[in-house]
Amino acid sequence: MHRSGTSLTASWLQNCGLQIDDGNLMGKGIGNVNGHFEDEDFVHFHEQLICLNDTKSKGWIVFERVPINESDFQSKALKLIKNRSRKFQLWGWKDPRTTIFLPEWNSCHDGIFFLLIWRDPCQVVSSLIRRANRSKNVVNRISLIRALQIWKFYNKCILNFYKSNYENCVLVDFSTLPILNRDLLNLINSEVTSSQKLNYFDFNKLYDSSLTKTKTNSMLIHILVRIFGLRSIQKDLVKMSYKGR
């Protein structure tokens, strides 16, 4: 889900040696002063699929499954994979929109390992609203109700996918990364089939608590998170999340 610490996580993996772009990494923006760490080829691919189905989605505000042409998806997805694999032995990409298409990505290539990051719903919703209030970009505009709905949809996608594909994915609570990052990197390396492995880089050298607000003072958000059923999803996420070794 957007605003769930995925940029910081991608930055950490990049520092560990993972190739996460092909020279076209998305730049910084409101709420991402250090950059998004998103490969624009993958972002644009997902945005086009989303907007083709709903032009009002802004390429990311989605509440239900996006109908796609599977053969068309596979041909374009495989082209992206082949282009990267031809250049890099150990690579990956980060884009929250991937969450919407997890089953499709999983079915088009056997060698994909998914790192699924989630974050407390109150923190995510608050972050989305703060960004919407600060940004002049209409793409970032989102209402409180929409923010709640999108967290619910994205994280249900994560849960459903993890339950069926836990062999090639790991589910991680973003708040645990400062403690579990070494164990997590060892797990990722154990799943890597290439001779090249990632090198450990301390996540805490990148982590800046001032950029990752954890307190949510809005009582309304706390109340709505419960009313919309987000806490029950969070309980399942906590139960299935990686606890380290």
C-alpha atoms as a PDB file:
ATOM      1  CA  MET A   1       0.000   0.000   0.000  1.00  0.00           C
ATOM      2  CA  HIS A   2       1.149   3.577  -0.702  1.00  0.00           C
ATOM      3  CA  ARG A   3       2.685   5.450   2.274  1.00  0.00           C
ATOM      4  CA  SER A   4       3.663   2.153   3.922  1.00  0.00           C
ATOM      5  CA  GLY A   5       7.430   2.601   4.022  1.00  0.00           C
ATOM      6  CA  THR A   6       8.019   0.939   0.659  1.00  0.00           C
ATOM      7  CA  SER A   7      10.344   3.724  -0.566  1.00  0.00           C
ATOM      8  CA  LEU A   8      12.597   3.374   2.466  1.00  0.00           C
ATOM      9  CA  THR A   9      12.526  -0.417   2.135  1.00  0.00           C
ATOM     10  CA  ALA A  10      13.485  -0.193  -1.551  1.00  0.00           C
ATOM     11  CA  SER A  11      16.267   2.265  -0.699  1.00  0.00           C
ATOM     12  CA  TRP A  12      17.600  -0.187   1.897  1.00  0.00           C
ATOM     13  CA  LEU A  13      17.595  -3.092  -0.581  1.00  0.00           C
ATOM     14  CA  GLN A  14      19.329  -0.903  -3.135  1.00  0.00           C
ATOM     15  CA  ASN A  15      22.057  -0.236  -0.555  1.00  0.00           C
ATOM     16  CA  CYS A  16      22.280  -3.994  -0.041  1.00  0.00           C
ATOM     17  CA  GLY A  17      23.067  -4.368  -3.740  1.00  0.00           C
ATOM     18  CA  LEU A  18      19.706  -4.980  -5.387  1.00  0.00           C
ATOM     19  CA  GLN A  19      19.365  -3.363  -8.815  1.00  0.00           C
ATOM     20  CA  ILE A  20      16.000  -1.572  -8.693  1.00  0.00           C
ATOM     21  CA  ASP A  21      15.982   0.444 -11.908  1.00  0.00           C
ATOM     22  CA  ASP A  22      17.327   0.699 -15.432  1.00  0.00           C
ATOM     23  CA  GLY A  23      18.300   4.357 -15.317  1.00  0.00           C
ATOM     24  CA  ASN A  24      14.779   5.750 -15.021  1.00  0.00           C
ATOM     25  CA  LEU A  25      14.097   5.910 -11.308  1.00  0.00           C
ATOM     26  CA  MET A  26      11.252   8.209 -10.230  1.00  0.00           C
ATOM     27  CA  GLY A  27      12.476  11.324  -8.417  1.00  0.00           C
ATOM     28  CA  LYS A  28      11.587  12.878  -5.086  1.00  0.00           C
ATOM     29  CA  GLY A  29       8.266  14.508  -4.264  1.00  0.00           C
ATOM     30  CA  ILE A  30       5.970  15.691  -1.475  1.00  0.00           C
ATOM     31  CA  GLY A  31       6.256  13.148   1.329  1.00  0.00           C
ATOM     32  CA  ASN A  32       9.221  11.431  -0.376  1.00  0.00           C
ATOM     33  CA  VAL A  33      12.097  13.870   0.046  1.00  0.00           C
ATOM     34  CA  ASN A  34      14.660  11.113  -0.566  1.00  0.00           C
ATOM     35  CA  GLY A  35      12.881   9.747  -3.644  1.00  0.00           C
ATOM     36  CA  HIS A  36      10.277   7.095  -4.453  1.00  0.00           C
ATOM     37  CA  PHE A  37      12.739   4.420  -5.644  1.00  0.00           C
ATOM     38  CA  GLU A  38      10.215   3.348  -8.266  1.00  0.00           C
ATOM     39  CA  ASP A  39      11.141   2.154 -11.756  1.00  0.00           C
ATOM     40  CA  GLU A  40       9.035   4.303 -14.084  1.00  0.00           C
ATOM     41  CA  ASP A  41       8.660   1.514 -16.663  1.00  0.00           C
ATOM     42  CA  PHE A  42       6.802  -0.635 -14.132  1.00  0.00           C
ATOM     43  CA  VAL A  43       4.850   2.309 -12.683  1.00  0.00           C
ATOM     44  CA  HIS A  44       3.628   3.408 -16.127  1.00  0.00           C
ATOM     45  CA  PHE A  45       2.708  -0.166 -17.046  1.00  0.00           C
ATOM     46  CA  HIS A  46       0.513  -0.467 -13.946  1.00  0.00           C
ATOM     47  CA  GLU A  47      -0.932   3.030 -14.279  1.00  0.00           C
ATOM     48  CA  GLN A  48      -2.058   2.360 -17.846  1.00  0.00           C
ATOM     49  CA  LEU A  49      -3.829  -0.833 -16.804  1.00  0.00           C
ATOM     50  CA  ILE A  50      -5.583   0.957 -13.939  1.00  0.00           C
ATOM     51  CA  CYS A  51      -6.592   4.066 -15.903  1.00  0.00           C
ATOM     52  CA  LEU A  52      -7.862   1.965 -18.808  1.00  0.00           C
ATOM     53  CA  ASN A  53     -10.424   0.553 -16.396  1.00  0.00           C
ATOM     54  CA  ASP A  54     -11.132   3.757 -14.421  1.00  0.00           C
ATOM     55  CA  THR A  55      -9.950   7.174 -15.613  1.00  0.00           C
ATOM     56  CA  LYS A  56     -10.871   8.708 -12.233  1.00  0.00           C
ATOM     57  CA  SER A  57      -8.475   6.411 -10.377  1.00  0.00           C
ATOM     58  CA  LYS A  58      -5.508   8.728 -11.029  1.00  0.00           C
ATOM     59  CA  GLY A  59      -3.562   5.547 -11.640  1.00  0.00           C
ATOM     60  CA  TRP A  60      -3.549   4.388  -8.021  1.00  0.00           C
ATOM     61  CA  ILE A  61      -6.864   4.923  -6.185  1.00  0.00           C
ATOM     62  CA  VAL A  62      -8.455   1.504  -6.621  1.00  0.00           C
ATOM     63  CA  PHE A  63     -11.054  -0.328  -4.507  1.00  0.00           C
ATOM     64  CA  GLU A  64     -11.697  -3.522  -6.461  1.00  0.00           C
ATOM     65  CA  ARG A  65      -9.995  -5.939  -8.807  1.00  0.00           C
ATOM     66  CA  VAL A  66      -8.938  -4.424 -12.125  1.00  0.00           C
ATOM     67  CA  PRO A  67     -10.132  -6.510 -15.097  1.00  0.00           C
ATOM     68  CA  ILE A  68      -7.313  -7.108 -17.571  1.00  0.00           C
ATOM     69  CA  ASN A  69      -6.495  -9.056 -20.700  1.00  0.00           C
ATOM     70  CA  GLU A  70      -4.235 -11.772 -19.258  1.00  0.00           C
ATOM     71  CA  SER A  71      -2.384 -12.616 -22.463  1.00  0.00           C
ATOM     72  CA  ASP A  72      -1.691  -8.927 -23.112  1.00  0.00           C
ATOM     73  CA  PHE A  73      -0.507  -8.495 -19.506  1.00  0.00           C
ATOM     74  CA  GLN A  74       1.828 -11.466 -19.746  1.00  0.00           C
ATOM     75  CA  SER A  75       3.415 -10.394 -23.023  1.00  0.00           C
ATOM     76  CA  LYS A  76       4.187  -6.892 -21.712  1.00  0.00           C
ATOM     77  CA  ALA A  77       5.244  -8.119 -18.263  1.00  0.00           C
ATOM     78  CA  LEU A  78       7.573 -10.742 -19.706  1.00  0.00           C
ATOM     79  CA  LYS A  79       9.145  -8.132 -21.950  1.00  0.00           C
ATOM     80  CA  LEU A  80       9.965  -6.012 -18.897  1.00  0.00           C
ATOM     81  CA  ILE A  81      11.375  -9.042 -17.077  1.00  0.00           C
ATOM     82  CA  LYS A  82      13.498 -10.158 -20.037  1.00  0.00           C
ATOM     83  CA  ASN A  83      14.899  -6.663 -20.592  1.00  0.00           C
ATOM     84  CA  ARG A  84      16.012  -6.410 -16.964  1.00  0.00           C
ATOM     85  CA  SER A  85      17.256  -9.999 -16.678  1.00  0.00           C
ATOM     86  CA  ARG A  86      19.381  -9.499 -19.790  1.00  0.00           C
ATOM     87  CA  LYS A  87      21.235  -6.674 -18.039  1.00  0.00           C
ATOM     88  CA  PHE A  88      21.189  -7.606 -14.352  1.00  0.00           C
ATOM     89  CA  GLN A  89      21.673 -10.852 -12.481  1.00  0.00           C
ATOM     90  CA  LEU A  90      19.983  -9.717  -9.257  1.00  0.00           C
ATOM     91  CA  TRP A  91      17.269  -7.119  -9.644  1.00  0.00           C
ATOM     92  CA  GLY A  92      13.781  -6.123  -8.542  1.00  0.00           C
ATOM     93  CA  TRP A  93      11.292  -3.304  -8.645  1.00  0.00           C
ATOM     94  CA  LYS A  94       9.139  -1.382  -6.218  1.00  0.00           C
ATOM     95  CA  ASP A  95       5.690  -0.025  -6.996  1.00  0.00           C
ATOM     96  CA  PRO A  96       2.710  -0.228  -4.606  1.00  0.00           C
ATOM     97  CA  ARG A  97       0.432  -0.706  -7.649  1.00  0.00           C
ATOM     98  CA  THR A  98       2.037  -4.131  -8.120  1.00  0.00           C
ATOM     99  CA  THR A  99      -0.196  -5.202  -5.209  1.00  0.00           C
ATOM    100  CA  ILE A 100      -3.244  -4.993  -7.480  1.00  0.00           C
ATOM    101  CA  PHE A 101      -1.663  -7.405  -9.972  1.00  0.00           C
ATOM    102  CA  LEU A 102       0.125  -9.879  -7.693  1.00  0.00           C
ATOM    103  CA  PRO A 103      -1.553 -13.027  -9.117  1.00  0.00           C
ATOM    104  CA  GLU A 104      -0.792 -11.935 -12.690  1.00  0.00           C
ATOM    105  CA  TRP A 105       2.878 -11.253 -11.961  1.00  0.00           C
ATOM    106  CA  ASN A 106       3.157 -14.531 -10.085  1.00  0.00           C
ATOM    107  CA  SER A 107       1.758 -16.546 -12.979  1.00  0.00           C
ATOM    108  CA  CYS A 108       3.998 -15.027 -15.648  1.00  0.00           C
ATOM    109  CA  HIS A 109       7.374 -15.994 -14.170  1.00  0.00           C
ATOM    110  CA  ASP A 110       8.594 -18.716 -11.791  1.00  0.00           C
ATOM    111  CA  GLY A 111      11.555 -16.843 -10.339  1.00  0.00           C
ATOM    112  CA  ILE A 112       9.755 -13.952  -8.650  1.00  0.00           C
ATOM    113  CA  PHE A 113       9.992 -13.496  -4.877  1.00  0.00           C
ATOM    114  CA  PHE A 114       7.612 -10.968  -3.307  1.00  0.00           C
ATOM    115  CA  LEU A 115       8.396  -8.775  -0.316  1.00  0.00           C
ATOM    116  CA  LEU A 116       5.014  -7.566   0.962  1.00  0.00           C
ATOM    117  CA  ILE A 117       5.196  -4.544   3.288  1.00  0.00           C
ATOM    118  CA  TRP A 118       2.288  -3.280   5.363  1.00  0.00           C
ATOM    119  CA  ARG A 119       1.908  -0.429   7.839  1.00  0.00           C
ATOM    120  CA  ASP A 120      -0.601   0.538  10.528  1.00  0.00           C
ATOM    121  CA  PRO A 121      -3.799   1.867   8.843  1.00  0.00           C
ATOM    122  CA  CYS A 122      -4.037   4.987  11.011  1.00  0.00           C
ATOM    123  CA  GLN A 123      -0.481   5.960  10.080  1.00  0.00           C
ATOM    124  CA  VAL A 124      -1.054   5.327   6.374  1.00  0.00           C
ATOM    125  CA  VAL A 125      -4.366   7.184   6.219  1.00  0.00           C
ATOM    126  CA  SER A 126      -2.925  10.135   8.161  1.00  0.00           C
ATOM    127  CA  SER A 127       0.077  10.237   5.818  1.00  0.00           C
ATOM    128  CA  LEU A 128      -2.168  10.192   2.743  1.00  0.00           C
ATOM    129  CA  ILE A 129      -4.237  13.091   4.082  1.00  0.00           C
ATOM    130  CA  ARG A 130      -1.136  15.126   5.050  1.00  0.00           C
ATOM    131  CA  ARG A 131       0.298  14.644   1.559  1.00  0.00           C
ATOM    132  CA  ALA A 132      -3.015  15.558  -0.070  1.00  0.00           C
ATOM    133  CA  ASN A 133      -3.148  18.780   1.946  1.00  0.00           C
ATOM    134  CA  ARG A 134       0.441  19.750   1.127  1.00  0.00           C
ATOM    135  CA  SER A 135       0.656  18.733  -2.522  1.00  0.00           C
ATOM    136  CA  LYS A 136      -0.424  20.838  -5.501  1.00  0.00           C
ATOM    137  CA  ASN A 137      -0.483  17.726  -7.683  1.00  0.00           C
ATOM    138  CA  VAL A 138      -4.076  16.573  -8.270  1.00  0.00           C
ATOM    139  CA  VAL A 139      -2.830  12.969  -8.455  1.00  0.00           C
ATOM    140  CA  ASN A 140      -2.160  13.103  -4.708  1.00  0.00           C
ATOM    141  CA  ARG A 141      -5.623  14.405  -3.787  1.00  0.00           C
ATOM    142  CA  ILE A 142      -7.654  11.890  -1.818  1.00  0.00           C
ATOM    143  CA  SER A 143     -10.515  12.151   0.679  1.00  0.00           C
ATOM    144  CA  LEU A 144     -10.471  10.565   4.124  1.00  0.00           C
ATOM    145  CA  ILE A 145     -13.083   7.973   3.156  1.00  0.00           C
ATOM    146  CA  ARG A 146     -11.205   7.054  -0.024  1.00  0.00           C
ATOM    147  CA  ALA A 147      -7.973   6.734   1.958  1.00  0.00           C
ATOM    148  CA  LEU A 148      -9.638   4.228   4.289  1.00  0.00           C
ATOM    149  CA  GLN A 149     -11.123   2.276   1.401  1.00  0.00           C
ATOM    150  CA  ILE A 150      -7.866   2.055  -0.539  1.00  0.00           C
ATOM    151  CA  TRP A 151      -5.894   0.799   2.501  1.00  0.00           C
ATOM    152  CA  LYS A 152      -8.532  -1.864   2.981  1.00  0.00           C
ATOM    153  CA  PHE A 153      -8.426  -3.023  -0.642  1.00  0.00           C
ATOM    154  CA  TYR A 154      -4.648  -3.051  -1.068  1.00  0.00           C
ATOM    155  CA  ASN A 155      -4.046  -4.912   2.175  1.00  0.00           C
ATOM    156  CA  LYS A 156      -6.791  -7.451   1.471  1.00  0.00           C
ATOM    157  CA  CYS A 157      -4.989  -8.111  -1.818  1.00  0.00           C
ATOM    158  CA  ILE A 158      -1.771  -8.653   0.139  1.00  0.00           C
ATOM    159  CA  LEU A 159      -3.435 -11.003   2.633  1.00  0.00           C
ATOM    160  CA  ASN A 160      -5.220 -13.074   0.011  1.00  0.00           C
ATOM    161  CA  PHE A 161      -2.077 -13.439  -2.060  1.00  0.00           C
ATOM    162  CA  TYR A 162       0.105 -14.363   0.907  1.00  0.00           C
ATOM    163  CA  LYS A 163      -2.291 -17.071   2.071  1.00  0.00           C
ATOM    164  CA  SER A 164      -2.036 -18.807  -1.313  1.00  0.00           C
ATOM    165  CA  ASN A 165       1.607 -18.104  -2.144  1.00  0.00           C
ATOM    166  CA  TYR A 166       3.575 -18.022   1.109  1.00  0.00           C
ATOM    167  CA  GLU A 167       6.287 -20.210  -0.467  1.00  0.00           C
ATOM    168  CA  ASN A 168       7.607 -17.370  -2.608  1.00  0.00           C
ATOM    169  CA  CYS A 169       6.770 -14.296  -0.556  1.00  0.00           C
ATOM    170  CA  VAL A 170       7.307 -12.815   2.877  1.00  0.00           C
ATOM    171  CA  LEU A 171       4.913 -10.509   4.720  1.00  0.00           C
ATOM    172  CA  VAL A 172       6.537  -7.810   6.849  1.00  0.00           C
ATOM    173  CA  ASP A 173       5.253  -5.191   9.288  1.00  0.00           C
ATOM    174  CA  PHE A 174       7.204  -2.044   8.356  1.00  0.00           C
ATOM    175  CA  SER A 175       7.586  -1.066  12.015  1.00  0.00           C
ATOM    176  CA  THR A 176       9.662  -4.219  12.671  1.00  0.00           C
ATOM    177  CA  LEU A 177      12.304  -3.531  10.008  1.00  0.00           C
ATOM    178  CA  PRO A 178      14.688  -1.626  12.327  1.00  0.00           C
ATOM    179  CA  ILE A 179      14.978  -4.834  14.391  1.00  0.00           C
ATOM    180  CA  LEU A 180      14.426  -7.608  11.831  1.00  0.00           C
ATOM    181  CA  ASN A 181      16.280  -6.230   8.805  1.00  0.00           C
ATOM    182  CA  ARG A 182      19.322  -8.514   9.137  1.00  0.00           C
ATOM    183  CA  ASP A 183      17.168 -11.632   9.513  1.00  0.00           C
ATOM    184  CA  LEU A 184      15.000 -10.509   6.615  1.00  0.00           C
ATOM    185  CA  LEU A 185      17.979 -10.019   4.327  1.00  0.00           C
ATOM    186  CA  ASN A 186      19.217 -13.513   5.193  1.00  0.00           C
ATOM    187  CA  LEU A 187      15.785 -14.873   4.285  1.00  0.00           C
ATOM    188  CA  ILE A 188      15.785 -13.022   0.959  1.00  0.00           C
ATOM    189  CA  ASN A 189      19.283 -14.322   0.173  1.00  0.00           C
ATOM    190  CA  SER A 190      18.133 -17.859   0.890  1.00  0.00           C
ATOM    191  CA  GLU A 191      15.469 -17.438  -1.813  1.00  0.00           C
ATOM    192  CA  VAL A 192      17.848 -16.005  -4.419  1.00  0.00           C
ATOM    193  CA  THR A 193      18.751 -18.632  -7.012  1.00  0.00           C
ATOM    194  CA  SER A 194      21.623 -16.711  -8.614  1.00  0.00           C
ATOM    195  CA  SER A 195      25.226 -16.961  -7.416  1.00  0.00           C
ATOM    196  CA  GLN A 196      25.133 -13.263  -6.607  1.00  0.00           C
ATOM    197  CA  LYS A 197      23.774 -12.394  -3.159  1.00  0.00           C
ATOM    198  CA  LEU A 198      22.823  -9.196  -1.363  1.00  0.00           C
ATOM    199  CA  ASN A 199      25.243  -7.680   1.146  1.00  0.00           C
ATOM    200  CA  TYR A 200      23.956  -6.580   4.522  1.00  0.00           C
ATOM    201  CA  PHE A 201      23.451  -2.846   5.016  1.00  0.00           C
ATOM    202  CA  ASP A 202      22.027  -1.660   8.327  1.00  0.00           C
ATOM    203  CA  PHE A 203      18.472  -0.421   7.751  1.00  0.00           C
ATOM    204  CA  ASN A 204      18.842   1.925  10.733  1.00  0.00           C
ATOM    205  CA  LYS A 205      21.471   3.983   8.897  1.00  0.00           C
ATOM    206  CA  LEU A 206      18.693   5.074   6.526  1.00  0.00           C
ATOM    207  CA  TYR A 207      15.786   5.173   8.954  1.00  0.00           C
ATOM    208  CA  ASP A 208      14.814   8.714   9.968  1.00  0.00           C
ATOM    209  CA  SER A 209      11.953   8.724  12.445  1.00  0.00           C
ATOM    210  CA  SER A 210      11.225  12.392  11.682  1.00  0.00           C
ATOM    211  CA  LEU A 211      10.237  11.359   8.137  1.00  0.00           C
ATOM    212  CA  THR A 212       8.109   8.425   9.330  1.00  0.00           C
ATOM    213  CA  LYS A 213       5.476   9.799  11.675  1.00  0.00           C
ATOM    214  CA  THR A 214       3.987   7.079  13.868  1.00  0.00           C
ATOM    215  CA  LYS A 215       1.618   9.111  16.047  1.00  0.00           C
ATOM    216  CA  THR A 216      -1.898   9.818  14.830  1.00  0.00           C
ATOM    217  CA  ASN A 217      -3.714  12.415  16.901  1.00  0.00           C
ATOM    218  CA  SER A 218      -6.968  12.357  14.940  1.00  0.00           C
ATOM    219  CA  MET A 219      -9.592  10.531  16.986  1.00  0.00           C
ATOM    220  CA  LEU A 220     -11.834  10.518  13.908  1.00  0.00           C
ATOM    221  CA  ILE A 221      -9.321   8.431  11.957  1.00  0.00           C
ATOM    222  CA  HIS A 222      -8.995   5.937  14.818  1.00  0.00           C
ATOM    223  CA  ILE A 223     -12.779   5.587  14.994  1.00  0.00           C
ATOM    224  CA  LEU A 224     -13.238   5.212  11.235  1.00  0.00           C
ATOM    225  CA  VAL A 225     -10.447   2.629  11.012  1.00  0.00           C
ATOM    226  CA  ARG A 226     -12.491   0.408  13.332  1.00  0.00           C
ATOM    227  CA  ILE A 227     -15.838   1.150  11.684  1.00  0.00           C
ATOM    228  CA  PHE A 228     -14.460   0.319   8.213  1.00  0.00           C
ATOM    229  CA  GLY A 229     -13.061  -2.996   9.452  1.00  0.00           C
ATOM    230  CA  LEU A 230      -9.389  -2.128   8.953  1.00  0.00           C
ATOM    231  CA  ARG A 231      -8.368  -3.315  12.427  1.00  0.00           C
ATOM    232  CA  SER A 232      -9.595  -6.846  11.749  1.00  0.00           C
ATOM    233  CA  ILE A 233      -7.459  -6.950   8.574  1.00  0.00           C
ATOM    234  CA  GLN A 234      -4.541  -5.612  10.577  1.00  0.00           C
ATOM    235  CA  LYS A 235      -4.914  -8.421  13.115  1.00  0.00           C
ATOM    236  CA  ASP A 236      -4.565 -10.991  10.328  1.00  0.00           C
ATOM    237  CA  LEU A 237      -1.548  -9.135   8.953  1.00  0.00           C
ATOM    238  CA  VAL A 238       0.122  -9.143  12.365  1.00  0.00           C
ATOM    239  CA  LYS A 239      -0.584 -12.861  12.811  1.00  0.00           C
ATOM    240  CA  MET A 240       1.021 -13.807   9.471  1.00  0.00           C
ATOM    241  CA  SER A 241       3.917 -11.326   9.447  1.00  0.00           C
ATOM    242  CA  TYR A 242       7.562 -12.351   9.546  1.00  0.00           C
ATOM    243  CA  LYS A 243       8.859 -12.594  13.125  1.00  0.00           C
ATOM    244  CA  GLY A 244      12.541 -13.225  12.381  1.00  0.00           C
ATOM    245  CA  ARG A 245      14.636 -16.304  13.073  1.00  0.00           C
END
